[in-house]
Amino acid sequence: MSVITEERGVIVFLDDYRIEGTIHLHFKQRLLDFINVADMNKGFFPMTDAKIYSLKNNQLLDSVEFISINREKVTLIFFKKKNEK
C-alpha cells in the first residue's frame, strides 16, 4: 500500500543557516503537523533538493540531494509560493 504524498517547497531557518528545498507531506497534512510529529523519537525530518545558505553573508554553501533537519534547531519554516522552485 502506498502513501499519497505532496511535494512542497519550503524555506527553513536555523541559527546560522537558511535551507531551501522540498519536503514530502502525507496527503492533506499541514506543515505544523509535519513539524510537530507525535512520535518524539523522530527528531529529524527529511528534505530533498536542498540548498544551504549562510545567514551571515547569504552565500550558497552547498546543494545536496538529501538532508536531514533537526526539528529542535528550526527557528522558522514556511512554504515557498507555489510557483517558486
C-alpha atoms as a PDB file:
ATOM      1  CA  MET A   1       0.000   0.000   0.000  1.00  0.00           C
ATOM      2  CA  SER A   2       1.468   3.367  -0.992  1.00  0.00           C
ATOM      3  CA  VAL A   3       1.067   6.624   0.867  1.00  0.00           C
ATOM      4  CA  ILE A   4      -0.064   9.583  -1.194  1.00  0.00           C
ATOM      5  CA  THR A   5       2.326  12.474  -0.658  1.00  0.00           C
ATOM      6  CA  GLU A   6       2.536  16.066  -1.738  1.00  0.00           C
ATOM      7  CA  GLU A   7       5.874  17.683  -2.539  1.00  0.00           C
ATOM      8  CA  ARG A   8       6.128  21.250  -1.255  1.00  0.00           C
ATOM      9  CA  GLY A   9       8.940  23.758  -1.431  1.00  0.00           C
ATOM     10  CA  VAL A  10       9.917  25.206   1.934  1.00  0.00           C
ATOM     11  CA  ILE A  11      12.374  27.642   3.435  1.00  0.00           C
ATOM     12  CA  VAL A  12      13.808  26.635   6.815  1.00  0.00           C
ATOM     13  CA  PHE A  13      15.803  28.923   9.085  1.00  0.00           C
ATOM     14  CA  LEU A  14      18.226  27.578  11.669  1.00  0.00           C
ATOM     15  CA  ASP A  15      20.528  29.664  13.885  1.00  0.00           C
ATOM     16  CA  ASP A  16      23.219  30.105  11.218  1.00  0.00           C
ATOM     17  CA  TYR A  17      21.656  28.747   8.021  1.00  0.00           C
ATOM     18  CA  ARG A  18      18.776  29.127   5.609  1.00  0.00           C
ATOM     19  CA  ILE A  19      17.846  25.930   3.794  1.00  0.00           C
ATOM     20  CA  GLU A  20      15.584  25.883   0.761  1.00  0.00           C
ATOM     21  CA  GLY A  21      14.303  22.575  -0.511  1.00  0.00           C
ATOM     22  CA  THR A  22      11.424  20.150  -0.804  1.00  0.00           C
ATOM     23  CA  ILE A  23       9.560  18.257   1.902  1.00  0.00           C
ATOM     24  CA  HIS A  24       7.156  15.397   1.309  1.00  0.00           C
ATOM     25  CA  LEU A  25       3.866  15.686   3.181  1.00  0.00           C
ATOM     26  CA  HIS A  26       1.270  12.994   3.607  1.00  0.00           C
ATOM     27  CA  PHE A  27      -1.908  13.769   1.689  1.00  0.00           C
ATOM     28  CA  LYS A  28      -3.612  16.859   3.205  1.00  0.00           C
ATOM     29  CA  GLN A  29      -1.034  17.068   6.025  1.00  0.00           C
ATOM     30  CA  ARG A  30      -0.475  20.532   7.468  1.00  0.00           C
ATOM     31  CA  LEU A  31       3.034  21.950   7.833  1.00  0.00           C
ATOM     32  CA  LEU A  32       2.550  22.330  11.592  1.00  0.00           C
ATOM     33  CA  ASP A  33       1.620  18.637  11.888  1.00  0.00           C
ATOM     34  CA  PHE A  34       4.674  17.716   9.811  1.00  0.00           C
ATOM     35  CA  ILE A  35       6.982  19.608  12.186  1.00  0.00           C
ATOM     36  CA  ASN A  36       5.255  18.604  15.435  1.00  0.00           C
ATOM     37  CA  VAL A  37       5.101  14.847  14.934  1.00  0.00           C
ATOM     38  CA  ALA A  38       3.515  12.876  17.759  1.00  0.00           C
ATOM     39  CA  ASP A  39       6.468  10.472  17.874  1.00  0.00           C
ATOM     40  CA  MET A  40       9.174  12.491  19.612  1.00  0.00           C
ATOM     41  CA  ASN A  41      11.758   9.852  18.638  1.00  0.00           C
ATOM     42  CA  LYS A  42      11.651  11.353  15.163  1.00  0.00           C
ATOM     43  CA  GLY A  43      13.941  14.261  15.936  1.00  0.00           C
ATOM     44  CA  PHE A  44      14.786  14.870  12.291  1.00  0.00           C
ATOM     45  CA  PHE A  45      12.809  15.400   9.107  1.00  0.00           C
ATOM     46  CA  PRO A  46      13.967  14.750   5.548  1.00  0.00           C
ATOM     47  CA  MET A  47      14.353  17.369   2.827  1.00  0.00           C
ATOM     48  CA  THR A  48      15.320  16.788  -0.791  1.00  0.00           C
ATOM     49  CA  ASP A  49      16.947  19.031  -3.409  1.00  0.00           C
ATOM     50  CA  ALA A  50      18.226  21.316  -0.667  1.00  0.00           C
ATOM     51  CA  LYS A  51      20.315  24.465  -1.000  1.00  0.00           C
ATOM     52  CA  ILE A  52      22.127  25.575   2.147  1.00  0.00           C
ATOM     53  CA  TYR A  53      22.919  29.271   2.629  1.00  0.00           C
ATOM     54  CA  SER A  54      24.899  31.097   5.302  1.00  0.00           C
ATOM     55  CA  LEU A  55      22.847  33.695   7.160  1.00  0.00           C
ATOM     56  CA  LYS A  56      25.977  35.800   7.721  1.00  0.00           C
ATOM     57  CA  ASN A  57      26.528  36.653   4.057  1.00  0.00           C
ATOM     58  CA  ASN A  58      23.706  34.889   2.169  1.00  0.00           C
ATOM     59  CA  GLN A  59      26.358  32.757   0.398  1.00  0.00           C
ATOM     60  CA  LEU A  60      25.345  29.390  -1.052  1.00  0.00           C
ATOM     61  CA  LEU A  61      27.369  26.832   0.892  1.00  0.00           C
ATOM     62  CA  ASP A  62      26.175  23.609  -0.721  1.00  0.00           C
ATOM     63  CA  SER A  63      23.470  21.918  -2.763  1.00  0.00           C
ATOM     64  CA  VAL A  64      22.532  18.384  -1.763  1.00  0.00           C
ATOM     65  CA  GLU A  65      20.005  15.819  -2.953  1.00  0.00           C
ATOM     66  CA  PHE A  66      19.070  14.850   0.624  1.00  0.00           C
ATOM     67  CA  ILE A  67      19.456  16.400   4.047  1.00  0.00           C
ATOM     68  CA  SER A  68      18.008  15.580   7.442  1.00  0.00           C
ATOM     69  CA  ILE A  69      16.979  18.599   9.558  1.00  0.00           C
ATOM     70  CA  ASN A  70      16.938  18.564  13.368  1.00  0.00           C
ATOM     71  CA  ARG A  71      13.422  19.661  14.368  1.00  0.00           C
ATOM     72  CA  GLU A  72      14.659  21.231  17.616  1.00  0.00           C
ATOM     73  CA  LYS A  73      17.001  23.584  15.720  1.00  0.00           C
ATOM     74  CA  VAL A  74      14.331  25.040  13.404  1.00  0.00           C
ATOM     75  CA  THR A  75      13.584  28.669  14.256  1.00  0.00           C
ATOM     76  CA  LEU A  76      11.278  29.387  11.287  1.00  0.00           C
ATOM     77  CA  ILE A  77       9.761  27.349   8.461  1.00  0.00           C
ATOM     78  CA  PHE A  78       7.321  28.300   5.743  1.00  0.00           C
ATOM     79  CA  PHE A  79       6.139  27.191   2.330  1.00  0.00           C
ATOM     80  CA  LYS A  80       7.555  28.806  -0.766  1.00  0.00           C
ATOM     81  CA  LYS A  81       4.980  30.311  -3.079  1.00  0.00           C
ATOM     82  CA  LYS A  82       3.504  27.553  -5.258  1.00  0.00           C
ATOM     83  CA  ASN A  83       5.070  28.983  -8.454  1.00  0.00           C
ATOM     84  CA  GLU A  84       8.582  29.262  -6.924  1.00  0.00           C
ATOM     85  CA  LYS A  85      11.069  26.398  -7.321  1.00  0.00           C
END
